[in-house]
C-alpha cells in the first residue's frame, strides 16, 4: 500500500504519465503575436517577423490539435498549409494575417486534399521566428484527425 502511495506522489510531482492527448487549440490561441516589417539582407526583401507572446511560446514543442481549411501549395511536393480561413480569404489571397496559417509537415508523406477541405490536424507545434523559407507556425509530424 505504501509503495502505491509513493508511486502516485512521484507521478503527480514529476508529471510522469502515459501518453497525453493533444492540446485542443483554436486560431485565437495563436493570435498572441506581433509582427515587425524588416529587411532580409540575404534576399533584399522585406518580411514580417513575429514576436510571439507568452501564451503562444507556451505551446512551443507541444502536441496540438487544430481545425482549419486545407490549402494545397504544391501537391506534387506534398506541401500544404492549414488556414483559419478558406483560400479566398486566407493570408495569401485575402486580408488575414500570417498568424492565421500553419505549415503542415506530415508524418506520412503522401497526402491528397481538396482545396478548402475542412480538417482537424494534430502534431508538434514549432514556432519559427526567423526562417523566411517556412511559415511562422509549423506543425511537425502532422496527422489528420478527421
C-alpha atoms as a PDB file:
ATOM      1  CA  UNK A   1       0.000   0.000   0.000  1.00  0.00           C
ATOM      2  CA  UNK A   2       2.797   2.436   0.894  1.00  0.00           C
ATOM      3  CA  UNK A   3       4.549   1.772  -2.436  1.00  0.00           C
ATOM      4  CA  UNK A   4       1.394   2.689  -4.339  1.00  0.00           C
ATOM      5  CA  UNK A   5       1.085   5.998  -2.452  1.00  0.00           C
ATOM      6  CA  UNK A   6       4.766   6.853  -3.034  1.00  0.00           C
ATOM      7  CA  UNK A   7       4.419   5.980  -6.738  1.00  0.00           C
ATOM      8  CA  UNK A   8       1.292   8.156  -7.014  1.00  0.00           C
ATOM      9  CA  UNK A   9       3.117  11.099  -5.390  1.00  0.00           C
ATOM     10  CA  UNK A  10       6.104  10.694  -7.717  1.00  0.00           C
ATOM     11  CA  UNK A  11       3.860  10.588 -10.758  1.00  0.00           C
ATOM     12  CA  UNK A  12       1.954  13.667  -9.585  1.00  0.00           C
ATOM     13  CA  UNK A  13       5.029  15.704  -8.639  1.00  0.00           C
ATOM     14  CA  UNK A  14       7.205  14.774 -11.610  1.00  0.00           C
ATOM     15  CA  UNK A  15       4.400  14.862 -14.139  1.00  0.00           C
ATOM     16  CA  UNK A  16       5.072  11.292 -15.224  1.00  0.00           C
ATOM     17  CA  UNK A  17       2.086   9.877 -17.030  1.00  0.00           C
ATOM     18  CA  UNK A  18       1.049   7.879 -20.032  1.00  0.00           C
ATOM     19  CA  UNK A  19       0.541   9.323 -23.493  1.00  0.00           C
ATOM     20  CA  UNK A  20      -1.287  12.630 -23.298  1.00  0.00           C
ATOM     21  CA  UNK A  21      -3.957  13.873 -25.624  1.00  0.00           C
ATOM     22  CA  UNK A  22      -3.031  16.785 -27.866  1.00  0.00           C
ATOM     23  CA  UNK A  23      -3.956  20.267 -26.651  1.00  0.00           C
ATOM     24  CA  UNK A  24      -7.089  21.384 -28.458  1.00  0.00           C
ATOM     25  CA  UNK A  25      -6.450  24.932 -29.645  1.00  0.00           C
ATOM     26  CA  UNK A  26      -8.196  27.445 -31.868  1.00  0.00           C
ATOM     27  CA  UNK A  27      -6.775  30.103 -34.164  1.00  0.00           C
ATOM     28  CA  UNK A  28      -7.476  32.647 -31.435  1.00  0.00           C
ATOM     29  CA  UNK A  29      -4.835  30.875 -29.302  1.00  0.00           C
ATOM     30  CA  UNK A  30      -2.262  31.688 -31.997  1.00  0.00           C
ATOM     31  CA  UNK A  31      -3.142  35.390 -32.219  1.00  0.00           C
ATOM     32  CA  UNK A  32      -0.841  36.390 -29.320  1.00  0.00           C
ATOM     33  CA  UNK A  33       1.845  37.613 -31.715  1.00  0.00           C
ATOM     34  CA  UNK A  34       3.095  40.948 -33.046  1.00  0.00           C
ATOM     35  CA  UNK A  35       4.770  41.426 -36.427  1.00  0.00           C
ATOM     36  CA  UNK A  36       7.532  43.800 -37.426  1.00  0.00           C
ATOM     37  CA  UNK A  37       8.393  44.502 -41.040  1.00  0.00           C
ATOM     38  CA  UNK A  38      12.159  44.100 -41.504  1.00  0.00           C
ATOM     39  CA  UNK A  39      14.577  43.913 -44.399  1.00  0.00           C
ATOM     40  CA  UNK A  40      16.074  40.483 -45.002  1.00  0.00           C
ATOM     41  CA  UNK A  41      19.514  41.378 -46.369  1.00  0.00           C
ATOM     42  CA  UNK A  42      20.119  37.899 -47.824  1.00  0.00           C
ATOM     43  CA  UNK A  43      17.274  38.258 -50.318  1.00  0.00           C
ATOM     44  CA  UNK A  44      16.906  42.076 -50.285  1.00  0.00           C
ATOM     45  CA  UNK A  45      13.207  41.868 -49.434  1.00  0.00           C
ATOM     46  CA  UNK A  46      11.024  42.946 -46.543  1.00  0.00           C
ATOM     47  CA  UNK A  47       9.286  40.291 -44.445  1.00  0.00           C
ATOM     48  CA  UNK A  48       7.023  40.277 -41.411  1.00  0.00           C
ATOM     49  CA  UNK A  49       8.957  38.833 -38.468  1.00  0.00           C
ATOM     50  CA  UNK A  50       6.983  37.620 -35.437  1.00  0.00           C
ATOM     51  CA  UNK A  51       7.432  38.303 -31.754  1.00  0.00           C
ATOM     52  CA  UNK A  52       5.447  35.567 -30.059  1.00  0.00           C
ATOM     53  CA  UNK A  53       3.550  36.332 -26.871  1.00  0.00           C
ATOM     54  CA  UNK A  54       3.890  34.206 -23.738  1.00  0.00           C
ATOM     55  CA  UNK A  55       0.729  32.195 -24.385  1.00  0.00           C
ATOM     56  CA  UNK A  56       1.986  31.175 -27.846  1.00  0.00           C
ATOM     57  CA  UNK A  57       5.501  30.475 -26.546  1.00  0.00           C
ATOM     58  CA  UNK A  58       3.931  28.083 -24.039  1.00  0.00           C
ATOM     59  CA  UNK A  59       2.696  25.965 -26.977  1.00  0.00           C
ATOM     60  CA  UNK A  60       6.189  25.519 -28.471  1.00  0.00           C
ATOM     61  CA  UNK A  61       7.054  21.820 -28.755  1.00  0.00           C
ATOM     62  CA  UNK A  62       3.630  20.704 -27.540  1.00  0.00           C
ATOM     63  CA  UNK A  63       1.348  18.323 -29.376  1.00  0.00           C
ATOM     64  CA  UNK A  64      -1.629  20.363 -30.509  1.00  0.00           C
ATOM     65  CA  UNK A  65      -4.810  19.783 -32.466  1.00  0.00           C
ATOM     66  CA  UNK A  66      -6.473  22.460 -34.610  1.00  0.00           C
ATOM     67  CA  UNK A  67      -9.263  22.659 -37.167  1.00  0.00           C
ATOM     68  CA  UNK A  68      -8.959  24.634 -40.377  1.00  0.00           C
ATOM     69  CA  UNK A  69      -9.104  24.749 -44.146  1.00  0.00           C
ATOM     70  CA  UNK A  70      -6.514  22.760 -46.091  1.00  0.00           C
ATOM     71  CA  UNK A  71      -4.806  24.743 -48.837  1.00  0.00           C
ATOM     72  CA  UNK A  72      -2.551  22.906 -51.300  1.00  0.00           C
ATOM     73  CA  UNK A  73       0.614  24.886 -52.035  1.00  0.00           C
ATOM     74  CA  UNK A  74       2.361  22.204 -54.133  1.00  0.00           C
ATOM     75  CA  UNK A  75       0.588  18.845 -54.260  1.00  0.00           C
ATOM     76  CA  UNK A  76       3.468  17.160 -56.112  1.00  0.00           C
ATOM     77  CA  UNK A  77       5.870  18.113 -53.319  1.00  0.00           C
ATOM     78  CA  UNK A  78       3.252  17.381 -50.628  1.00  0.00           C
ATOM     79  CA  UNK A  79       3.280  20.986 -49.393  1.00  0.00           C
ATOM     80  CA  UNK A  80       0.070  22.015 -47.661  1.00  0.00           C
ATOM     81  CA  UNK A  81      -0.991  24.603 -45.130  1.00  0.00           C
ATOM     82  CA  UNK A  82      -3.950  24.690 -42.802  1.00  0.00           C
ATOM     83  CA  UNK A  83      -5.682  28.050 -42.568  1.00  0.00           C
ATOM     84  CA  UNK A  84      -8.187  29.696 -40.272  1.00  0.00           C
ATOM     85  CA  UNK A  85      -9.956  30.954 -43.406  1.00  0.00           C
ATOM     86  CA  UNK A  86     -10.850  29.439 -46.791  1.00  0.00           C
ATOM     87  CA  UNK A  87      -8.392  30.119 -49.606  1.00  0.00           C
ATOM     88  CA  UNK A  88     -10.213  33.206 -50.933  1.00  0.00           C
ATOM     89  CA  UNK A  89      -9.842  34.859 -47.522  1.00  0.00           C
ATOM     90  CA  UNK A  90      -6.549  33.370 -46.291  1.00  0.00           C
ATOM     91  CA  UNK A  91      -3.265  35.173 -45.715  1.00  0.00           C
ATOM     92  CA  UNK A  92      -2.027  34.520 -49.253  1.00  0.00           C
ATOM     93  CA  UNK A  93      -5.163  35.723 -51.086  1.00  0.00           C
ATOM     94  CA  UNK A  94      -7.238  37.699 -48.631  1.00  0.00           C
ATOM     95  CA  UNK A  95      -6.863  40.003 -45.684  1.00  0.00           C
ATOM     96  CA  UNK A  96      -5.919  37.567 -42.911  1.00  0.00           C
ATOM     97  CA  UNK A  97      -2.581  37.828 -41.102  1.00  0.00           C
ATOM     98  CA  UNK A  98       0.351  35.385 -41.062  1.00  0.00           C
ATOM     99  CA  UNK A  99      -0.848  34.068 -37.684  1.00  0.00           C
ATOM    100  CA  UNK A 100      -3.837  32.513 -39.459  1.00  0.00           C
ATOM    101  CA  UNK A 101      -1.882  29.851 -41.373  1.00  0.00           C
ATOM    102  CA  UNK A 102       0.247  26.887 -40.374  1.00  0.00           C
ATOM    103  CA  UNK A 103       2.663  24.819 -42.437  1.00  0.00           C
ATOM    104  CA  UNK A 104       1.945  21.084 -42.352  1.00  0.00           C
ATOM    105  CA  UNK A 105       4.882  18.672 -42.322  1.00  0.00           C
ATOM    106  CA  UNK A 106       3.167  15.312 -42.493  1.00  0.00           C
ATOM    107  CA  UNK A 107       4.228  12.198 -40.621  1.00  0.00           C
ATOM    108  CA  UNK A 108       3.131  10.111 -43.629  1.00  0.00           C
ATOM    109  CA  UNK A 109       4.495  11.857 -46.697  1.00  0.00           C
ATOM    110  CA  UNK A 110       1.867  11.274 -49.384  1.00  0.00           C
ATOM    111  CA  UNK A 111      -1.353  13.141 -48.711  1.00  0.00           C
ATOM    112  CA  UNK A 112      -4.134  14.356 -51.001  1.00  0.00           C
ATOM    113  CA  UNK A 113      -6.658  17.045 -50.145  1.00  0.00           C
ATOM    114  CA  UNK A 114      -9.117  19.250 -51.970  1.00  0.00           C
ATOM    115  CA  UNK A 115      -8.749  23.000 -51.621  1.00  0.00           C
ATOM    116  CA  UNK A 116     -10.734  24.351 -48.658  1.00  0.00           C
ATOM    117  CA  UNK A 117     -11.424  20.894 -47.259  1.00  0.00           C
ATOM    118  CA  UNK A 118     -12.102  21.429 -43.551  1.00  0.00           C
ATOM    119  CA  UNK A 119      -9.988  19.054 -41.494  1.00  0.00           C
ATOM    120  CA  UNK A 120      -8.677  18.690 -37.978  1.00  0.00           C
ATOM    121  CA  UNK A 121      -4.943  18.043 -37.763  1.00  0.00           C
ATOM    122  CA  UNK A 122      -2.590  17.284 -34.913  1.00  0.00           C
ATOM    123  CA  UNK A 123       1.163  17.371 -34.493  1.00  0.00           C
ATOM    124  CA  UNK A 124       4.017  19.072 -32.681  1.00  0.00           C
ATOM    125  CA  UNK A 125       3.906  22.866 -32.907  1.00  0.00           C
ATOM    126  CA  UNK A 126       7.155  24.548 -33.840  1.00  0.00           C
ATOM    127  CA  UNK A 127       7.440  28.330 -33.705  1.00  0.00           C
ATOM    128  CA  UNK A 128       9.529  29.845 -36.496  1.00  0.00           C
ATOM    129  CA  UNK A 129      10.578  33.450 -35.869  1.00  0.00           C
ATOM    130  CA  UNK A 130      13.397  33.731 -38.446  1.00  0.00           C
ATOM    131  CA  UNK A 131      13.419  31.271 -41.376  1.00  0.00           C
ATOM    132  CA  UNK A 132      11.615  33.012 -44.257  1.00  0.00           C
ATOM    133  CA  UNK A 133      11.580  29.736 -46.216  1.00  0.00           C
ATOM    134  CA  UNK A 134       8.898  28.433 -43.825  1.00  0.00           C
ATOM    135  CA  UNK A 135       5.766  29.765 -42.146  1.00  0.00           C
ATOM    136  CA  UNK A 136       5.793  31.170 -38.602  1.00  0.00           C
ATOM    137  CA  UNK A 137       3.801  28.177 -37.342  1.00  0.00           C
ATOM    138  CA  UNK A 138       4.878  24.690 -38.386  1.00  0.00           C
ATOM    139  CA  UNK A 139       3.054  21.502 -37.446  1.00  0.00           C
ATOM    140  CA  UNK A 140       5.628  18.679 -37.429  1.00  0.00           C
ATOM    141  CA  UNK A 141       4.644  15.005 -37.673  1.00  0.00           C
ATOM    142  CA  UNK A 142       1.205  16.238 -38.723  1.00  0.00           C
ATOM    143  CA  UNK A 143      -1.642  13.765 -38.946  1.00  0.00           C
ATOM    144  CA  UNK A 144      -5.247  14.211 -39.997  1.00  0.00           C
ATOM    145  CA  UNK A 145      -7.601  13.517 -37.089  1.00  0.00           C
ATOM    146  CA  UNK A 146     -10.814  13.897 -39.092  1.00  0.00           C
END
